[in-house]
Amino acid sequence: MPRGHSLRLTAAAAAELCRQAAVAGTPGLMHIDLLEGGCEPWTIRLRPGHLAGSPVARADGVTLHAPVAQLPLLTGLLLDYRGDLSGGAFLVRPVEGVHTCACGAAFRRDPGRGTAGQ
């Protein structure tokens, strides 16, 4: 994983990523990318497999890959997973310089933080 280009995973997120990868037939491999739009400028999308890009996180048997061009936007994010009887969802948790919307899947970075694509 490139130094300085890391996304952090909670234990719950790593476990759910692992489960989804296994169910999809790509054990240990998941892909994250960012879509423009939504309630904030960037919305996360997770898919099974290694579609392209570089590894941005490794935890508990799963490696998460992302497009190289999006690495600056993903740096320092904390990805969590919350589930209950009505379902579950991956959430971007607020960290310094990152604001999330109520849905938890969309975020924006504070201006002037030096990230590309703002």
Protein backbone atom coordinates (compact mmCIF):
# COMPACT_ATOMS: atom_id res chain seq x y z
CA MET A 1 0.00 0.00 0.00
CA PRO A 2 1.54 3.37 -0.94
CA ARG A 3 2.62 5.39 2.07
CA GLY A 4 0.29 8.32 2.70
CA HIS A 5 -2.52 6.85 0.61
CA SER A 6 -4.42 4.96 3.24
CA LEU A 7 -8.06 4.51 4.00
CA ARG A 8 -8.81 3.07 7.43
CA LEU A 9 -11.33 0.28 8.01
CA THR A 10 -13.17 -0.49 11.20
CA ALA A 11 -13.40 -4.14 12.22
CA ALA A 12 -17.08 -4.16 11.21
CA ALA A 13 -16.26 -2.77 7.73
CA ALA A 14 -13.45 -5.28 7.19
CA ALA A 15 -15.69 -8.19 8.22
CA GLU A 16 -18.51 -7.11 5.89
CA LEU A 17 -16.12 -6.46 2.99
CA CYS A 18 -14.69 -9.94 3.53
CA ARG A 19 -18.16 -11.47 3.59
CA GLN A 20 -19.28 -9.67 0.42
CA ALA A 21 -16.10 -10.61 -1.44
CA ALA A 22 -16.52 -14.27 -0.51
CA VAL A 23 -20.19 -14.34 -1.55
CA ALA A 24 -19.28 -12.75 -4.89
CA GLY A 25 -16.57 -15.35 -5.55
CA THR A 26 -13.62 -12.95 -5.14
CA PRO A 27 -12.41 -13.83 -1.63
CA GLY A 28 -10.35 -11.07 -0.05
CA LEU A 29 -10.71 -8.60 -2.94
CA MET A 30 -12.96 -5.53 -2.99
CA HIS A 31 -12.97 -2.25 -4.91
CA ILE A 32 -14.00 1.24 -3.81
CA ASP A 33 -14.49 4.22 -6.05
CA LEU A 34 -16.08 7.62 -5.72
CA LEU A 35 -19.01 8.91 -7.74
CA GLU A 36 -19.65 12.61 -8.09
CA GLY A 37 -22.95 13.89 -6.78
CA GLY A 38 -25.41 13.03 -4.10
CA CYS A 39 -25.95 14.97 -0.90
CA GLU A 40 -22.22 15.85 -0.83
CA PRO A 41 -19.72 16.08 -3.70
CA TRP A 42 -18.46 12.45 -3.36
CA THR A 43 -20.38 9.22 -2.79
CA ILE A 44 -18.67 5.89 -2.13
CA ARG A 45 -19.35 2.80 -4.24
CA LEU A 46 -18.10 -0.64 -3.23
CA ARG A 47 -17.91 -3.64 -5.55
CA PRO A 48 -16.39 -7.11 -5.28
CA GLY A 49 -13.11 -7.94 -6.99
CA HIS A 50 -9.99 -6.05 -8.00
CA LEU A 51 -11.32 -3.95 -10.87
CA ALA A 52 -8.30 -1.64 -11.19
CA GLY A 53 -6.06 0.65 -9.22
CA SER A 54 -3.95 0.36 -6.12
CA PRO A 55 -4.60 -1.15 -2.70
CA VAL A 56 -5.77 1.51 -0.24
CA ALA A 57 -6.59 -0.65 2.79
CA ARG A 58 -5.86 -4.12 4.11
CA ALA A 59 -7.50 -5.62 7.17
CA ASP A 60 -8.65 -9.00 8.44
CA GLY A 61 -8.18 -10.87 5.16
CA VAL A 62 -9.52 -8.30 2.72
CA THR A 63 -7.71 -5.86 0.43
CA LEU A 64 -9.59 -2.82 -0.80
CA HIS A 65 -8.46 -1.34 -4.14
CA ALA A 66 -9.24 2.10 -5.59
CA PRO A 67 -8.55 4.06 -8.79
CA VAL A 68 -5.15 5.77 -8.59
CA ALA A 69 -6.67 9.15 -9.52
CA GLN A 70 -8.95 8.99 -6.45
CA LEU A 71 -6.26 8.15 -3.89
CA PRO A 72 -5.93 11.77 -2.65
CA LEU A 73 -9.66 11.93 -1.90
CA LEU A 74 -9.61 8.61 -0.03
CA THR A 75 -6.54 9.36 2.08
CA GLY A 76 -7.36 9.40 5.77
CA LEU A 77 -11.02 8.40 5.46
CA LEU A 78 -12.49 5.99 8.00
CA LEU A 79 -14.87 3.42 6.50
CA ASP A 80 -17.32 1.78 8.89
CA TYR A 81 -20.21 -0.66 8.53
CA ARG A 82 -23.42 -0.66 10.52
CA GLY A 83 -26.07 -3.33 10.25
CA ASP A 84 -29.29 -4.17 12.02
CA LEU A 85 -32.47 -6.15 11.39
CA SER A 86 -33.53 -3.76 8.62
CA GLY A 87 -30.27 -3.96 6.68
CA GLY A 88 -26.83 -2.47 6.67
CA ALA A 89 -24.65 0.13 5.02
CA PHE A 90 -21.06 1.26 4.69
CA LEU A 91 -20.50 4.69 6.18
CA VAL A 92 -17.76 7.29 5.94
CA ARG A 93 -17.12 8.41 9.50
CA PRO A 94 -16.25 12.06 10.08
CA VAL A 95 -12.55 12.69 10.61
CA GLU A 96 -10.62 15.95 10.65
CA GLY A 97 -11.21 17.85 7.42
CA VAL A 98 -14.04 15.59 6.22
CA HIS A 99 -17.77 16.27 6.52
CA THR A 100 -20.35 13.56 5.90
CA CYS A 101 -24.02 13.90 5.13
CA ALA A 102 -26.80 12.21 7.08
CA CYS A 103 -26.76 9.13 4.82
CA GLY A 104 -23.12 8.51 5.71
CA ALA A 105 -22.19 7.37 2.19
CA ALA A 106 -21.35 10.85 0.86
CA PHE A 107 -18.70 13.29 2.00
CA ARG A 108 -16.80 16.46 1.22
CA ARG A 109 -13.39 17.67 2.25
CA ASP A 110 -12.69 21.09 3.74
CA PRO A 111 -11.32 23.53 1.15
CA GLY A 112 -7.58 24.10 1.34
CA ARG A 113 -6.71 20.58 2.53
CA GLY A 114 -4.60 20.00 -0.59
CA THR A 115 -6.61 17.12 -2.07
CA ALA A 116 -7.17 16.84 -5.78
CA GLY A 117 -10.58 16.83 -7.37
CA GLN A 118 -12.36 19.26 -5.09
